[in-house]
Amino acid sequence: MKVVIIGSKSFDTLEYHLADSFRFLGHQVSIVDLTAVIPVKYSINYHAIKYFKIYDEHIFQKLAKKVIDIKADLVVGTYRFINPICIKAIKKEQPHTPIIQINPDALTTFEHQQIFASPYDYFFTKDPYILSFMKQKMGLNVKYLAEAFNPRVHLRPTVDRTELEQETNIDVLTFGHQYPYRSKIIKKLIDSGIRVTLFGKKDRRFSLPELDKYFRNEWILGERKAKLLFGSKIVFNNFHYAEIESVNCKFFEIAGIGAFQICDYRSSVHEYSKVDPAKFTFRGIDEAIDLIKFYLDKPMLRHEMAEVQYEHFLHHHTYDHRTKSILETVFADKNLSSGFDSPAMLSSV
């Protein structure tokens, strides 16, 4: 089956992992991103699209032609700012090709609500709250799809964990964008005497100078990320405040790498986790500090819990599991056009 993904070609993105999974399952995949239309930096294209309506429509009309030329059996939209013109044009030319939208982010990322204005056949979301309002308020054909990790990218290191912890020498690691909310929480940890090491990017507008000396000034990816997470005693994972009932992709990556994490409590953690969430989730910063201090000097317990999670996530929460679920949902629906559920199509799934 031929699949085309409208989204970023960057490494370690949702699009990258979906493409890798589709290929692993035996399908042909193309990723069409903004540079396929105009080869300029993503940030330039993104801001031009956001503020100039004519440019926005022009770009996505041309991008639609790129997608149509591929003649795919499935079109997957992951950009949240795809102009509805694009989806309508593809649907007009290829009425029997299912077009789906996968949104892995929180509700603060809906841009100009292009997703809701577009005639996708399916919408996939990770947050039960978002699923509920999309289905109940707008009547959209929305399905639940949790995030995941890629076992071919987020690889657990094969070295001895205890030796790696000694080599890495990190008590608590946190990584990603340090926006003000996260920075405030990290400062609370540091003020309580916890030794924190920060990887990622400082907030461009409101960074806390007090955190500067704890930054490694490195955006971690791939093997490097796996080694650092696995070699840290604790990975501190606080979710964005707009994760209403969902968790972030880090939650799956950390567990899939085999690292030990302490994270925010969400009701959905019960669904994903083999370990009782009460043992590693917090509802307030004081509880987070207590958990960190409790586990720091208990390596055997940390390692045992991380191993249980690793095995569970490997068997239940990879992108391959999610991709299979997408295909089964889209192509097994008898209410769709007969072109979607032909014997030949289903056999490739």
Protein backbone atom coordinates (compact mmCIF):
# COMPACT_ATOMS: atom_id res chain seq x y z
CA MET A 1 0.00 0.00 0.00
CA LYS A 2 1.17 3.54 -0.75
CA VAL A 3 0.98 6.04 2.10
CA VAL A 4 1.68 9.77 1.93
CA ILE A 5 2.23 11.82 5.09
CA ILE A 6 1.77 15.59 5.08
CA GLY A 7 4.21 16.79 7.71
CA SER A 8 7.81 17.29 8.75
CA LYS A 9 10.73 15.21 7.49
CA SER A 10 12.78 15.97 10.61
CA PHE A 11 14.26 13.13 12.67
CA ASP A 12 12.44 11.92 15.80
CA THR A 13 9.13 13.59 14.93
CA LEU A 14 5.73 11.92 14.82
CA GLU A 15 5.94 11.88 11.03
CA TYR A 16 9.35 10.26 11.07
CA HIS A 17 8.19 7.48 13.37
CA LEU A 18 4.93 6.89 11.51
CA ALA A 19 6.83 6.60 8.23
CA ASP A 20 9.33 4.21 9.80
CA SER A 21 6.50 2.07 11.17
CA PHE A 22 4.56 1.97 7.88
CA ARG A 23 7.74 0.88 6.11
CA PHE A 24 8.48 -1.72 8.78
CA LEU A 25 5.00 -3.14 8.17
CA GLY A 26 5.74 -3.41 4.45
CA HIS A 27 4.18 -0.28 2.97
CA GLN A 28 5.59 2.42 0.67
CA VAL A 29 5.75 5.84 2.32
CA SER A 30 6.35 9.39 1.13
CA ILE A 31 6.53 12.47 3.37
CA VAL A 32 5.49 15.74 1.75
CA ASP A 33 6.51 18.79 3.77
CA LEU A 34 6.50 22.52 3.18
CA THR A 35 9.92 22.46 1.52
CA ALA A 36 8.45 20.29 -1.25
CA VAL A 37 6.63 23.44 -2.38
CA ILE A 38 9.06 26.25 -1.53
CA PRO A 39 12.56 25.24 -0.32
CA VAL A 40 12.97 27.75 2.50
CA LYS A 41 13.34 27.29 6.25
CA TYR A 42 10.36 25.81 8.03
CA SER A 43 10.08 28.78 10.41
CA ILE A 44 9.82 31.23 7.50
CA ASN A 45 7.13 29.19 5.76
CA TYR A 46 5.24 28.63 8.99
CA HIS A 47 5.02 32.31 9.93
CA ALA A 48 4.15 33.36 6.38
CA ILE A 49 1.33 30.81 6.36
CA LYS A 50 0.12 31.96 9.75
CA TYR A 51 -0.17 35.64 8.90
CA PHE A 52 -0.76 35.85 5.14
CA LYS A 53 -3.97 34.23 3.87
CA ILE A 54 -3.05 34.38 0.17
CA TYR A 55 0.34 32.77 0.78
CA ASP A 56 -1.29 30.12 2.99
CA GLU A 57 -3.77 29.13 0.27
CA HIS A 58 -1.12 29.21 -2.46
CA ILE A 59 1.26 26.94 -0.57
CA PHE A 60 -1.36 24.34 0.27
CA GLN A 61 -2.88 24.30 -3.20
CA LYS A 62 0.56 23.42 -4.56
CA LEU A 63 1.17 20.93 -1.77
CA ALA A 64 -2.13 19.21 -2.61
CA LYS A 65 -0.90 18.68 -6.18
CA LYS A 66 2.27 17.04 -4.85
CA VAL A 67 0.17 14.65 -2.78
CA ILE A 68 -2.27 13.91 -5.60
CA ASP A 69 0.60 13.05 -7.98
CA ILE A 70 1.72 10.26 -5.64
CA LYS A 71 -1.66 8.52 -6.01
CA ALA A 72 -1.55 7.09 -2.49
CA ASP A 73 -3.95 4.61 -0.91
CA LEU A 74 -3.89 6.54 2.35
CA VAL A 75 -3.19 10.21 3.12
CA VAL A 76 -2.13 11.16 6.65
CA GLY A 77 -2.11 14.79 7.78
CA THR A 78 0.02 15.63 10.82
CA TYR A 79 0.60 19.37 10.42
CA ARG A 80 -2.08 21.12 12.47
CA PHE A 81 -2.09 24.11 10.12
CA ILE A 82 -2.95 22.35 6.84
CA ASN A 83 -5.30 24.69 5.01
CA PRO A 84 -8.71 23.04 4.35
CA ILE A 85 -8.19 23.91 0.66
CA CYS A 86 -5.52 21.21 0.55
CA ILE A 87 -7.68 18.43 1.98
CA LYS A 88 -10.66 19.41 -0.20
CA ALA A 89 -8.50 19.36 -3.33
CA ILE A 90 -7.11 15.90 -2.57
CA LYS A 91 -10.57 14.56 -1.79
CA LYS A 92 -11.96 15.97 -5.04
CA GLU A 93 -9.29 14.26 -7.14
CA GLN A 94 -9.14 11.04 -5.11
CA PRO A 95 -12.61 10.52 -3.59
CA HIS A 96 -11.92 6.88 -2.68
CA THR A 97 -8.67 7.56 -0.83
CA PRO A 98 -9.13 7.92 2.94
CA ILE A 99 -7.62 11.07 4.40
CA ILE A 100 -6.94 11.08 8.13
CA GLN A 101 -5.60 13.60 10.63
CA ILE A 102 -3.40 12.67 13.58
CA ASN A 103 -2.97 15.33 16.25
CA PRO A 104 -0.48 14.36 18.98
CA ASP A 105 -0.47 17.65 20.83
CA ALA A 106 -2.54 19.40 23.44
CA LEU A 107 -5.54 21.63 22.77
CA THR A 108 -3.42 24.81 22.78
CA THR A 109 -2.00 23.81 19.38
CA PHE A 110 -5.09 24.00 17.18
CA GLU A 111 -3.74 27.10 15.39
CA HIS A 112 -6.65 28.67 13.42
CA GLN A 113 -8.70 25.46 13.85
CA GLN A 114 -7.88 24.32 10.32
CA ILE A 115 -8.37 20.73 11.48
CA PHE A 116 -12.04 21.30 12.30
CA ALA A 117 -12.68 23.05 8.98
CA SER A 118 -11.24 20.20 6.90
CA PRO A 119 -13.20 17.18 5.58
CA TYR A 120 -10.99 14.41 6.96
CA ASP A 121 -12.49 10.93 6.98
CA TYR A 122 -10.98 10.25 10.40
CA PHE A 123 -9.51 12.34 13.18
CA PHE A 124 -7.18 10.66 15.68
CA THR A 125 -6.40 12.25 19.04
CA LYS A 126 -4.62 11.13 22.20
CA ASP A 127 -6.69 13.11 24.71
CA PRO A 128 -10.06 11.68 25.82
CA TYR A 129 -11.22 15.22 26.56
CA ILE A 130 -10.47 16.41 23.02
CA LEU A 131 -12.05 13.26 21.60
CA SER A 132 -15.21 13.89 23.58
CA PHE A 133 -15.73 17.48 22.48
CA MET A 134 -14.86 16.76 18.83
CA LYS A 135 -17.33 13.89 18.73
CA GLN A 136 -20.12 15.24 20.92
CA LYS A 137 -20.01 18.93 19.98
CA MET A 138 -19.08 18.73 16.28
CA GLY A 139 -20.09 15.20 15.37
CA LEU A 140 -16.67 14.41 13.88
CA ASN A 141 -15.49 10.88 13.17
CA VAL A 142 -12.78 10.95 15.80
CA LYS A 143 -10.90 7.99 17.29
CA TYR A 144 -8.62 7.60 20.27
CA LEU A 145 -4.92 7.03 19.54
CA ALA A 146 -2.34 7.23 22.32
CA GLU A 147 1.22 8.33 21.63
CA ALA A 148 4.03 5.77 21.47
CA PHE A 149 7.75 5.11 21.16
CA ASN A 150 9.83 3.72 18.31
CA PRO A 151 11.75 0.56 19.32
CA ARG A 152 14.13 1.04 16.39
CA VAL A 153 15.07 4.59 17.47
CA HIS A 154 14.42 4.71 21.21
CA LEU A 155 16.70 1.78 21.92
CA ARG A 156 17.55 0.67 25.43
CA PRO A 157 21.35 0.69 25.88
CA THR A 158 22.93 -2.73 26.34
CA VAL A 159 25.46 -1.56 28.95
CA ASP A 160 25.20 -2.24 32.68
CA ARG A 161 22.72 0.23 34.16
CA THR A 162 24.57 0.73 37.45
CA GLU A 163 27.87 1.41 35.71
CA LEU A 164 26.21 3.83 33.30
CA GLU A 165 24.61 5.74 36.17
CA GLN A 166 28.05 6.18 37.71
CA GLU A 167 29.49 7.33 34.39
CA THR A 168 26.62 9.72 33.61
CA ASN A 169 26.52 11.12 37.15
CA ILE A 170 23.03 12.62 36.83
CA ASP A 171 20.57 12.44 39.70
CA VAL A 172 17.57 14.00 37.96
CA LEU A 173 17.40 14.74 34.24
CA THR A 174 14.80 16.79 32.41
CA PHE A 175 14.74 17.57 28.69
CA GLY A 176 12.78 19.52 26.10
CA HIS A 177 11.61 23.13 25.85
CA GLN A 178 11.92 24.97 29.16
CA TYR A 179 8.83 27.16 28.94
CA PRO A 180 7.95 29.25 32.05
CA TYR A 181 5.68 26.64 33.63
CA ARG A 182 8.34 23.95 33.43
CA SER A 183 11.08 26.33 34.55
CA LYS A 184 9.15 27.27 37.69
CA ILE A 185 8.75 23.62 38.62
CA ILE A 186 12.42 22.83 37.98
CA LYS A 187 13.44 25.76 40.18
CA LYS A 188 11.33 24.30 42.99
CA LEU A 189 13.23 21.01 42.69
CA ILE A 190 16.59 22.77 42.75
CA ASP A 191 15.58 24.97 45.71
CA SER A 192 14.74 21.79 47.65
CA GLY A 193 18.32 20.57 47.24
CA ILE A 194 17.80 18.16 44.33
CA ARG A 195 20.61 18.04 41.77
CA VAL A 196 18.95 18.60 38.37
CA THR A 197 20.55 18.52 34.92
CA LEU A 198 18.71 20.25 32.06
CA PHE A 199 18.84 19.33 28.38
CA GLY A 200 16.92 21.17 25.68
CA LYS A 201 16.17 24.78 24.88
CA LYS A 202 15.70 27.76 27.17
CA ASP A 203 12.56 29.80 26.87
CA ARG A 204 13.30 32.60 24.39
CA ARG A 205 11.38 35.25 26.29
CA PHE A 206 11.09 34.42 29.95
CA SER A 207 13.90 32.06 30.91
CA LEU A 208 15.00 31.99 34.53
CA PRO A 209 18.65 33.07 34.92
CA GLU A 210 18.86 30.94 38.05
CA LEU A 211 18.65 27.81 35.87
CA ASP A 212 21.44 28.76 33.46
CA LYS A 213 24.20 26.87 35.27
CA TYR A 214 22.16 23.65 35.20
CA PHE A 215 21.73 23.68 31.40
CA ARG A 216 23.89 21.45 29.21
CA ASN A 217 22.81 23.49 26.12
CA GLU A 218 22.15 20.34 24.12
CA TRP A 219 19.05 19.08 22.34
CA ILE A 220 19.23 15.30 22.73
CA LEU A 221 18.10 12.79 20.11
CA GLY A 222 18.48 9.16 19.14
CA GLU A 223 21.21 7.07 20.73
CA ARG A 224 22.51 10.01 22.75
CA LYS A 225 19.08 10.58 24.31
CA ALA A 226 18.67 6.90 25.10
CA LYS A 227 22.03 6.69 26.83
CA LEU A 228 21.46 9.80 28.95
CA LEU A 229 17.93 8.82 30.00
CA PHE A 230 18.92 5.24 30.78
CA GLY A 231 22.00 6.42 32.65
CA SER A 232 20.18 8.96 34.82
CA LYS A 233 18.85 7.91 38.19
CA ILE A 234 15.53 9.67 37.58
CA VAL A 235 13.99 11.33 34.52
CA PHE A 236 11.60 14.09 35.63
CA ASN A 237 8.72 14.42 33.18
CA ASN A 238 6.22 17.18 33.88
CA PHE A 239 3.46 17.41 31.30
CA HIS A 240 2.27 20.59 29.61
CA TYR A 241 -0.67 22.11 31.49
CA ALA A 242 -2.87 21.60 28.41
CA GLU A 243 -2.51 17.82 28.64
CA ILE A 244 -6.01 17.57 30.10
CA GLU A 245 -6.44 13.80 30.26
CA SER A 246 -3.45 12.72 28.20
CA VAL A 247 0.30 12.27 28.59
CA ASN A 248 3.18 13.39 26.38
CA CYS A 249 5.31 11.33 23.98
CA LYS A 250 8.20 11.49 26.47
CA PHE A 251 6.19 9.29 28.79
CA PHE A 252 6.37 6.47 26.23
CA GLU A 253 9.93 7.17 25.11
CA ILE A 254 11.33 7.16 28.65
CA ALA A 255 9.62 3.87 29.51
CA GLY A 256 10.49 2.38 26.10
CA ILE A 257 14.15 3.19 26.60
CA GLY A 258 14.04 1.49 29.99
CA ALA A 259 14.65 4.61 32.07
CA PHE A 260 12.95 5.41 35.37
CA GLN A 261 10.62 8.40 35.37
CA ILE A 262 8.60 10.46 37.78
CA CYS A 263 5.78 12.32 36.06
CA ASP A 264 2.52 14.20 36.50
CA TYR A 265 -0.58 12.21 37.37
CA ARG A 266 -3.23 11.78 34.70
CA SER A 267 -6.07 9.25 34.79
CA SER A 268 -4.89 7.79 31.48
CA VAL A 269 -1.61 6.65 33.09
CA HIS A 270 -3.55 3.73 34.57
CA GLU A 271 -4.39 2.58 31.05
CA TYR A 272 -0.78 2.63 29.87
CA SER A 273 1.25 1.56 32.88
CA LYS A 274 2.04 -1.88 34.27
CA VAL A 275 3.33 -0.28 37.49
CA ASP A 276 0.85 1.32 39.87
CA PRO A 277 0.84 5.06 38.96
CA ALA A 278 0.75 5.96 42.66
CA LYS A 279 4.37 4.83 42.84
CA PHE A 280 5.77 7.27 40.28
CA THR A 281 3.27 10.09 39.60
CA PHE A 282 2.66 13.33 41.48
CA ARG A 283 -0.25 15.75 41.80
CA GLY A 284 1.74 18.61 43.33
CA ILE A 285 5.33 19.80 43.48
CA ASP A 286 5.80 18.79 47.13
CA GLU A 287 4.78 15.23 46.26
CA ALA A 288 7.22 15.27 43.33
CA ILE A 289 10.07 16.35 45.61
CA ASP A 290 9.21 13.62 48.12
CA LEU A 291 9.14 10.94 45.39
CA ILE A 292 12.48 12.03 43.96
CA LYS A 293 14.17 12.02 47.35
CA PHE A 294 12.64 8.64 48.15
CA TYR A 295 13.94 6.93 45.00
CA LEU A 296 17.37 8.55 44.65
CA ASP A 297 19.06 6.14 47.06
CA LYS A 298 17.05 3.05 46.03
CA PRO A 299 18.67 1.86 42.77
CA MET A 300 17.35 -1.72 42.99
CA LEU A 301 13.75 -0.53 43.28
CA ARG A 302 14.16 2.00 40.45
CA HIS A 303 15.71 -0.59 38.16
CA GLU A 304 13.05 -3.19 38.92
CA MET A 305 10.20 -0.78 38.18
CA ALA A 306 11.88 0.47 34.99
CA GLU A 307 12.35 -3.10 33.77
CA VAL A 308 8.68 -3.94 34.30
CA GLN A 309 7.65 -0.84 32.38
CA TYR A 310 10.13 -1.50 29.59
CA GLU A 311 8.77 -4.99 28.90
CA HIS A 312 5.18 -3.79 29.06
CA PHE A 313 5.67 -0.81 26.76
CA LEU A 314 7.64 -2.88 24.26
CA HIS A 315 4.69 -5.24 23.92
CA HIS A 316 1.88 -2.67 23.96
CA HIS A 317 2.98 0.89 23.16
CA THR A 318 5.16 1.08 20.05
CA TYR A 319 4.41 3.04 16.90
CA ASP A 320 3.94 -0.32 15.19
CA HIS A 321 1.01 -1.02 17.51
CA ARG A 322 -0.47 2.41 16.77
CA THR A 323 0.03 2.10 13.01
CA LYS A 324 -1.69 -1.28 12.92
CA SER A 325 -4.58 0.21 14.90
CA ILE A 326 -4.90 3.07 12.40
CA LEU A 327 -5.00 0.71 9.44
CA GLU A 328 -7.48 -1.65 11.08
CA THR A 329 -9.75 1.27 11.96
CA VAL A 330 -9.67 2.97 8.56
CA PHE A 331 -9.85 -0.03 6.26
CA ALA A 332 -12.22 -2.22 8.24
CA ASP A 333 -14.98 0.40 8.38
CA LYS A 334 -17.72 -0.87 6.06
CA ASN A 335 -19.43 2.52 6.08
CA LEU A 336 -16.70 3.98 3.93
CA SER A 337 -16.51 3.83 0.18
CA SER A 338 -16.00 0.33 -1.23
CA GLY A 339 -12.65 1.48 -2.57
CA PHE A 340 -11.33 1.60 0.99
CA ASP A 341 -12.03 -1.98 2.01
CA SER A 342 -11.25 -4.04 -1.06
CA PRO A 343 -9.76 -7.53 -0.44
CA ALA A 344 -6.46 -6.44 -1.98
CA MET A 345 -6.25 -3.43 0.31
CA LEU A 346 -7.07 -5.38 3.44
CA SER A 347 -4.56 -8.11 2.60
CA SER A 348 -1.79 -5.50 2.60
CA VAL A 349 -2.82 -4.44 6.08
